[in-house]
Amino acid sequence: MFRYYYRVPTTHWDLVRPTYWHPMASLEQSLMDLHSLHQDMMLSSFPLRSHHHLLSVPRAIDDEEFFRDLPVAKDTTATTESVPPSTTPDKRAFSNYSYSSSSVVDDKGRRVRSVRRRFEDASGRLKAVHERTVDGKTLVTTWNKATKDDQGTHETKCLDDTTSPEEFEALWKETPFGKAHQSGEPLPGNTSDKITDKPNTDPAQTTA
């Protein structure tokens, strides 16, 4: 049923659109919350535990690595230099950064983790990283765009040299996150940028 709340991706770049990226992050968080709540309720100390593992924050070293090649990394020193009034019309600038980390244990006892980071600013600079881990095997997908007009680069690599991206994708599809992501549109098994889509069906005739 989740497929009707976001634009169905047809290319790898559609995967980083806010209309897909953020709903998927929310879905992963929901699955983790349900899993964690079930685990907590099995403990006699629930809900009086002194800490709660639903809260997750990024490690400083991971943040530094992500922002290393982004504009915000250059603004590390303050300046007292006075700037004369500008004679050009004001141009609004913005930047947005989102972080999400979710993990569950599947029915085979494997730890499954999904970490998402996404940065975008007014100049069109875009960087997104999706790190997925299953049973100690990690696949990292990175999207990079320098400007709005830039074609951008897309890279997928396994940190485990013994596992190929195709093997990892097959493994991921069997996880709770993978099953939730599929929604009827399989990811590609080749290196092309196009995602093969299934024929359109009438949502009114599709059962959730």
C-alpha atoms as a PDB file:
ATOM      1  CA  MET A   1       0.000   0.000   0.000  1.00  0.00           C
ATOM      2  CA  PHE A   2       2.964   2.342   0.587  1.00  0.00           C
ATOM      3  CA  ARG A   3       3.701   2.640  -3.140  1.00  0.00           C
ATOM      4  CA  TYR A   4       0.867   5.147  -3.692  1.00  0.00           C
ATOM      5  CA  TYR A   5       2.398   7.760  -1.396  1.00  0.00           C
ATOM      6  CA  TYR A   6       5.504   8.456  -3.484  1.00  0.00           C
ATOM      7  CA  ARG A   7       6.576   8.786  -7.101  1.00  0.00           C
ATOM      8  CA  VAL A   8       7.601   5.405  -8.500  1.00  0.00           C
ATOM      9  CA  PRO A   9      11.339   5.618  -9.341  1.00  0.00           C
ATOM     10  CA  THR A  10      12.334   5.005 -12.962  1.00  0.00           C
ATOM     11  CA  THR A  11      16.014   6.047 -12.710  1.00  0.00           C
ATOM     12  CA  HIS A  12      18.666   5.896  -9.999  1.00  0.00           C
ATOM     13  CA  TRP A  13      18.294   9.675  -9.555  1.00  0.00           C
ATOM     14  CA  ASP A  14      14.599   9.298  -8.761  1.00  0.00           C
ATOM     15  CA  LEU A  15      15.665   7.354  -5.663  1.00  0.00           C
ATOM     16  CA  VAL A  16      17.092  10.550  -4.101  1.00  0.00           C
ATOM     17  CA  ARG A  17      14.060  12.745  -4.816  1.00  0.00           C
ATOM     18  CA  PRO A  18      12.498  13.943  -1.535  1.00  0.00           C
ATOM     19  CA  THR A  19       9.177  12.394  -2.615  1.00  0.00           C
ATOM     20  CA  TYR A  20      10.812   8.944  -2.493  1.00  0.00           C
ATOM     21  CA  TRP A  21      13.798   9.347  -0.149  1.00  0.00           C
ATOM     22  CA  HIS A  22      11.945  10.680   2.897  1.00  0.00           C
ATOM     23  CA  PRO A  23       8.941   8.295   2.737  1.00  0.00           C
ATOM     24  CA  MET A  24      11.345   5.357   2.536  1.00  0.00           C
ATOM     25  CA  ALA A  25      13.324   6.664   5.520  1.00  0.00           C
ATOM     26  CA  SER A  26      10.062   7.036   7.468  1.00  0.00           C
ATOM     27  CA  LEU A  27       9.034   3.508   6.525  1.00  0.00           C
ATOM     28  CA  GLU A  28      12.363   2.110   7.765  1.00  0.00           C
ATOM     29  CA  GLN A  29      12.004   4.043  11.022  1.00  0.00           C
ATOM     30  CA  SER A  30       8.485   2.677  11.495  1.00  0.00           C
ATOM     31  CA  LEU A  31       9.655  -0.911  10.994  1.00  0.00           C
ATOM     32  CA  MET A  32      12.483  -0.362  13.485  1.00  0.00           C
ATOM     33  CA  ASP A  33      10.154   1.225  16.048  1.00  0.00           C
ATOM     34  CA  LEU A  34       7.742  -1.712  15.851  1.00  0.00           C
ATOM     35  CA  HIS A  35      10.610  -4.183  16.189  1.00  0.00           C
ATOM     36  CA  SER A  36      12.159  -2.296  19.120  1.00  0.00           C
ATOM     37  CA  LEU A  37       8.833  -1.890  20.902  1.00  0.00           C
ATOM     38  CA  HIS A  38       8.222  -5.630  20.677  1.00  0.00           C
ATOM     39  CA  GLN A  39      11.700  -6.326  22.073  1.00  0.00           C
ATOM     40  CA  ASP A  40      11.218  -3.847  24.921  1.00  0.00           C
ATOM     41  CA  MET A  41       7.855  -5.266  25.927  1.00  0.00           C
ATOM     42  CA  MET A  42       9.494  -8.659  26.391  1.00  0.00           C
ATOM     43  CA  LEU A  43      11.699  -7.165  29.130  1.00  0.00           C
ATOM     44  CA  SER A  44      10.430  -6.926  32.710  1.00  0.00           C
ATOM     45  CA  SER A  45      11.888  -3.417  33.132  1.00  0.00           C
ATOM     46  CA  PHE A  46       9.809  -1.908  30.297  1.00  0.00           C
ATOM     47  CA  PRO A  47       8.986   1.016  30.298  1.00  0.00           C
ATOM     48  CA  LEU A  48      11.334   2.020  33.144  1.00  0.00           C
ATOM     49  CA  ARG A  49      14.616   1.429  31.342  1.00  0.00           C
ATOM     50  CA  SER A  50      17.300   4.052  31.903  1.00  0.00           C
ATOM     51  CA  HIS A  51      18.044   4.268  28.186  1.00  0.00           C
ATOM     52  CA  HIS A  52      16.198   3.611  24.976  1.00  0.00           C
ATOM     53  CA  HIS A  53      17.861   2.325  21.805  1.00  0.00           C
ATOM     54  CA  LEU A  54      15.209   3.775  19.482  1.00  0.00           C
ATOM     55  CA  LEU A  55      17.172   7.030  19.548  1.00  0.00           C
ATOM     56  CA  SER A  56      20.090   6.990  17.138  1.00  0.00           C
ATOM     57  CA  VAL A  57      22.628   9.711  16.388  1.00  0.00           C
ATOM     58  CA  PRO A  58      25.369   9.706  13.748  1.00  0.00           C
ATOM     59  CA  ARG A  59      28.974   9.180  14.740  1.00  0.00           C
ATOM     60  CA  ALA A  60      31.165  12.304  14.470  1.00  0.00           C
ATOM     61  CA  ILE A  61      33.667  10.529  12.217  1.00  0.00           C
ATOM     62  CA  ASP A  62      30.879   9.561   9.795  1.00  0.00           C
ATOM     63  CA  ASP A  63      29.605  13.149   9.698  1.00  0.00           C
ATOM     64  CA  GLU A  64      33.095  14.468   8.969  1.00  0.00           C
ATOM     65  CA  GLU A  65      33.530  12.030   6.096  1.00  0.00           C
ATOM     66  CA  PHE A  66      30.156  12.913   4.563  1.00  0.00           C
ATOM     67  CA  PHE A  67      30.687  16.693   4.714  1.00  0.00           C
ATOM     68  CA  ARG A  68      34.358  16.601   3.693  1.00  0.00           C
ATOM     69  CA  ASP A  69      33.672  17.618   0.059  1.00  0.00           C
ATOM     70  CA  LEU A  70      30.604  19.792   0.718  1.00  0.00           C
ATOM     71  CA  PRO A  71      30.509  23.631   0.890  1.00  0.00           C
ATOM     72  CA  VAL A  72      29.677  23.680   4.608  1.00  0.00           C
ATOM     73  CA  ALA A  73      33.032  22.058   5.401  1.00  0.00           C
ATOM     74  CA  LYS A  74      34.816  25.181   4.152  1.00  0.00           C
ATOM     75  CA  ASP A  75      33.043  27.516   6.587  1.00  0.00           C
ATOM     76  CA  THR A  76      35.105  26.448   9.596  1.00  0.00           C
ATOM     77  CA  THR A  77      36.567  29.854  10.568  1.00  0.00           C
ATOM     78  CA  ALA A  78      34.777  33.043  11.492  1.00  0.00           C
ATOM     79  CA  THR A  79      35.654  36.323   9.781  1.00  0.00           C
ATOM     80  CA  THR A  80      35.426  39.949  10.934  1.00  0.00           C
ATOM     81  CA  GLU A  81      35.830  41.437   7.466  1.00  0.00           C
ATOM     82  CA  SER A  82      33.135  44.006   6.681  1.00  0.00           C
ATOM     83  CA  VAL A  83      31.138  43.399   3.528  1.00  0.00           C
ATOM     84  CA  PRO A  84      29.836  46.411   1.539  1.00  0.00           C
ATOM     85  CA  PRO A  85      26.105  46.501   0.773  1.00  0.00           C
ATOM     86  CA  SER A  86      25.234  44.524  -2.330  1.00  0.00           C
ATOM     87  CA  THR A  87      23.742  46.324  -5.328  1.00  0.00           C
ATOM     88  CA  THR A  88      22.338  43.131  -6.860  1.00  0.00           C
ATOM     89  CA  PRO A  89      18.916  41.722  -5.988  1.00  0.00           C
ATOM     90  CA  ASP A  90      18.889  39.375  -3.030  1.00  0.00           C
ATOM     91  CA  LYS A  91      18.982  35.700  -3.892  1.00  0.00           C
ATOM     92  CA  ARG A  92      17.662  33.362  -1.269  1.00  0.00           C
ATOM     93  CA  ALA A  93      20.027  30.583  -0.306  1.00  0.00           C
ATOM     94  CA  PHE A  94      19.241  27.395   1.541  1.00  0.00           C
ATOM     95  CA  SER A  95      20.705  24.039   2.411  1.00  0.00           C
ATOM     96  CA  ASN A  96      19.056  20.933   3.770  1.00  0.00           C
ATOM     97  CA  TYR A  97      20.578  17.905   5.477  1.00  0.00           C
ATOM     98  CA  SER A  98      18.724  14.799   6.616  1.00  0.00           C
ATOM     99  CA  TYR A  99      19.955  11.726   8.475  1.00  0.00           C
ATOM    100  CA  SER A 100      18.205   8.459   9.222  1.00  0.00           C
ATOM    101  CA  SER A 101      19.430   5.224  10.790  1.00  0.00           C
ATOM    102  CA  SER A 102      17.251   2.138  11.217  1.00  0.00           C
ATOM    103  CA  SER A 103      18.060  -1.436  12.181  1.00  0.00           C
ATOM    104  CA  VAL A 104      16.130  -4.625  12.859  1.00  0.00           C
ATOM    105  CA  VAL A 105      16.841  -8.324  13.337  1.00  0.00           C
ATOM    106  CA  ASP A 106      15.170 -10.514  10.707  1.00  0.00           C
ATOM    107  CA  ASP A 107      13.587 -13.927  11.231  1.00  0.00           C
ATOM    108  CA  LYS A 108      16.962 -15.565  10.512  1.00  0.00           C
ATOM    109  CA  GLY A 109      18.641 -13.660  13.333  1.00  0.00           C
ATOM    110  CA  ARG A 110      20.607 -11.361  11.012  1.00  0.00           C
ATOM    111  CA  ARG A 111      21.155  -7.702  11.873  1.00  0.00           C
ATOM    112  CA  VAL A 112      19.803  -5.512   9.054  1.00  0.00           C
ATOM    113  CA  ARG A 113      20.698  -1.807   8.991  1.00  0.00           C
ATOM    114  CA  SER A 114      19.871   1.119   6.712  1.00  0.00           C
ATOM    115  CA  VAL A 115      21.615   4.508   7.070  1.00  0.00           C
ATOM    116  CA  ARG A 116      20.610   7.447   4.874  1.00  0.00           C
ATOM    117  CA  ARG A 117      22.303  10.843   4.528  1.00  0.00           C
ATOM    118  CA  ARG A 118      21.181  13.534   2.111  1.00  0.00           C
ATOM    119  CA  PHE A 119      22.450  17.103   1.531  1.00  0.00           C
ATOM    120  CA  GLU A 120      21.117  19.634  -0.976  1.00  0.00           C
ATOM    121  CA  ASP A 121      21.532  23.407  -1.326  1.00  0.00           C
ATOM    122  CA  ALA A 122      20.211  26.264  -3.464  1.00  0.00           C
ATOM    123  CA  SER A 123      23.061  25.994  -5.986  1.00  0.00           C
ATOM    124  CA  GLY A 124      21.969  22.485  -6.921  1.00  0.00           C
ATOM    125  CA  ARG A 125      24.754  20.753  -4.994  1.00  0.00           C
ATOM    126  CA  LEU A 126      23.417  17.339  -4.052  1.00  0.00           C
ATOM    127  CA  LYS A 127      25.036  14.498  -2.178  1.00  0.00           C
ATOM    128  CA  ALA A 128      23.229  11.440  -0.878  1.00  0.00           C
ATOM    129  CA  VAL A 129      24.571   8.241   0.649  1.00  0.00           C
ATOM    130  CA  HIS A 130      22.591   5.087   1.397  1.00  0.00           C
ATOM    131  CA  GLU A 131      24.518   2.508   3.420  1.00  0.00           C
ATOM    132  CA  ARG A 132      22.890  -0.892   3.851  1.00  0.00           C
ATOM    133  CA  THR A 133      24.208  -3.726   5.991  1.00  0.00           C
ATOM    134  CA  VAL A 134      23.071  -7.349   6.216  1.00  0.00           C
ATOM    135  CA  ASP A 135      24.840  -9.859   8.439  1.00  0.00           C
ATOM    136  CA  GLY A 136      28.162  -7.974   8.318  1.00  0.00           C
ATOM    137  CA  LYS A 137      28.040  -7.286   4.557  1.00  0.00           C
ATOM    138  CA  THR A 138      27.733  -3.598   3.589  1.00  0.00           C
ATOM    139  CA  LEU A 139      26.709  -1.943   0.322  1.00  0.00           C
ATOM    140  CA  VAL A 140      27.211   1.832  -0.076  1.00  0.00           C
ATOM    141  CA  THR A 141      25.412   3.807  -2.795  1.00  0.00           C
ATOM    142  CA  THR A 142      26.485   7.427  -3.402  1.00  0.00           C
ATOM    143  CA  TRP A 143      24.889  10.134  -5.543  1.00  0.00           C
ATOM    144  CA  ASN A 144      26.756  13.383  -6.327  1.00  0.00           C
ATOM    145  CA  LYS A 145      25.780  16.518  -8.268  1.00  0.00           C
ATOM    146  CA  ALA A 146      27.874  19.710  -8.332  1.00  0.00           C
ATOM    147  CA  THR A 147      25.164  21.985  -9.788  1.00  0.00           C
ATOM    148  CA  LYS A 148      21.594  21.822 -11.047  1.00  0.00           C
ATOM    149  CA  ASP A 149      22.813  21.339 -14.622  1.00  0.00           C
ATOM    150  CA  ASP A 150      25.380  18.683 -13.716  1.00  0.00           C
ATOM    151  CA  GLN A 151      24.620  15.171 -14.975  1.00  0.00           C
ATOM    152  CA  GLY A 152      25.970  13.851 -11.692  1.00  0.00           C
ATOM    153  CA  THR A 153      27.681  10.610 -10.715  1.00  0.00           C
ATOM    154  CA  HIS A 154      26.193   7.470  -9.196  1.00  0.00           C
ATOM    155  CA  GLU A 155      28.341   4.802  -7.547  1.00  0.00           C
ATOM    156  CA  THR A 156      27.541   1.530  -5.811  1.00  0.00           C
ATOM    157  CA  LYS A 157      30.186  -0.557  -4.087  1.00  0.00           C
ATOM    158  CA  CYS A 158      30.429  -3.369  -1.560  1.00  0.00           C
ATOM    159  CA  LEU A 159      32.819  -2.894   1.341  1.00  0.00           C
ATOM    160  CA  ASP A 160      33.141  -6.667   1.428  1.00  0.00           C
ATOM    161  CA  ASP A 161      35.366  -7.700  -1.501  1.00  0.00           C
ATOM    162  CA  THR A 162      33.865 -11.191  -1.555  1.00  0.00           C
ATOM    163  CA  THR A 163      30.322  -9.974  -2.286  1.00  0.00           C
ATOM    164  CA  SER A 164      29.145  -8.374  -5.541  1.00  0.00           C
ATOM    165  CA  PRO A 165      26.435  -5.651  -5.632  1.00  0.00           C
ATOM    166  CA  GLU A 166      24.116  -8.101  -7.390  1.00  0.00           C
ATOM    167  CA  GLU A 167      24.612 -10.708  -4.654  1.00  0.00           C
ATOM    168  CA  PHE A 168      23.973  -8.101  -1.977  1.00  0.00           C
ATOM    169  CA  GLU A 169      20.773  -6.874  -3.673  1.00  0.00           C
ATOM    170  CA  ALA A 170      19.476 -10.455  -3.759  1.00  0.00           C
ATOM    171  CA  LEU A 171      20.293 -10.773  -0.044  1.00  0.00           C
ATOM    172  CA  TRP A 172      18.674  -7.415   0.739  1.00  0.00           C
ATOM    173  CA  LYS A 173      15.383  -8.332  -0.945  1.00  0.00           C
ATOM    174  CA  GLU A 174      14.876 -11.050   1.679  1.00  0.00           C
ATOM    175  CA  THR A 175      15.155  -8.597   4.598  1.00  0.00           C
ATOM    176  CA  PRO A 176      12.229  -6.708   6.197  1.00  0.00           C
ATOM    177  CA  PHE A 177      13.496  -3.426   4.716  1.00  0.00           C
ATOM    178  CA  GLY A 178      14.024  -4.962   1.294  1.00  0.00           C
ATOM    179  CA  LYS A 179      10.522  -6.413   1.184  1.00  0.00           C
ATOM    180  CA  ALA A 180       9.071  -3.037   2.164  1.00  0.00           C
ATOM    181  CA  HIS A 181      11.132  -1.228  -0.500  1.00  0.00           C
ATOM    182  CA  GLN A 182      10.197  -3.431  -3.423  1.00  0.00           C
ATOM    183  CA  SER A 183       6.541  -2.364  -3.698  1.00  0.00           C
ATOM    184  CA  GLY A 184       6.330  -4.092  -7.069  1.00  0.00           C
ATOM    185  CA  GLU A 185       9.182  -2.165  -8.770  1.00  0.00           C
ATOM    186  CA  PRO A 186      12.436  -4.213  -8.820  1.00  0.00           C
ATOM    187  CA  LEU A 187      15.796  -2.459  -8.797  1.00  0.00           C
ATOM    188  CA  PRO A 188      18.041  -3.113 -11.809  1.00  0.00           C
ATOM    189  CA  GLY A 189      20.519  -5.948 -11.969  1.00  0.00           C
ATOM    190  CA  ASN A 190      22.782  -4.132 -14.437  1.00  0.00           C
ATOM    191  CA  THR A 191      24.857  -0.943 -14.507  1.00  0.00           C
ATOM    192  CA  SER A 192      22.460   1.100 -16.658  1.00  0.00           C
ATOM    193  CA  ASP A 193      20.847   4.186 -15.159  1.00  0.00           C
ATOM    194  CA  LYS A 194      17.365   3.095 -16.189  1.00  0.00           C
ATOM    195  CA  ILE A 195      15.215   1.130 -13.781  1.00  0.00           C
ATOM    196  CA  THR A 196      12.997  -1.418 -15.502  1.00  0.00           C
ATOM    197  CA  ASP A 197       9.409  -0.842 -14.457  1.00  0.00           C
ATOM    198  CA  LYS A 198       6.485  -3.215 -14.532  1.00  0.00           C
ATOM    199  CA  PRO A 199       3.400  -2.408 -16.650  1.00  0.00           C
ATOM    200  CA  ASN A 200       1.081   0.107 -15.020  1.00  0.00           C
ATOM    201  CA  THR A 201      -1.848  -1.293 -13.108  1.00  0.00           C
ATOM    202  CA  ASP A 202      -4.982   0.383 -11.863  1.00  0.00           C
ATOM    203  CA  PRO A 203      -4.451   1.166  -8.116  1.00  0.00           C
ATOM    204  CA  ALA A 204      -8.167   0.654  -7.571  1.00  0.00           C
ATOM    205  CA  GLN A 205      -7.760  -2.968  -8.639  1.00  0.00           C
ATOM    206  CA  THR A 206      -4.648  -3.552  -6.513  1.00  0.00           C
ATOM    207  CA  THR A 207      -5.055  -4.804  -2.984  1.00  0.00           C
ATOM    208  CA  ALA A 208      -2.716  -3.539  -0.247  1.00  0.00           C
END
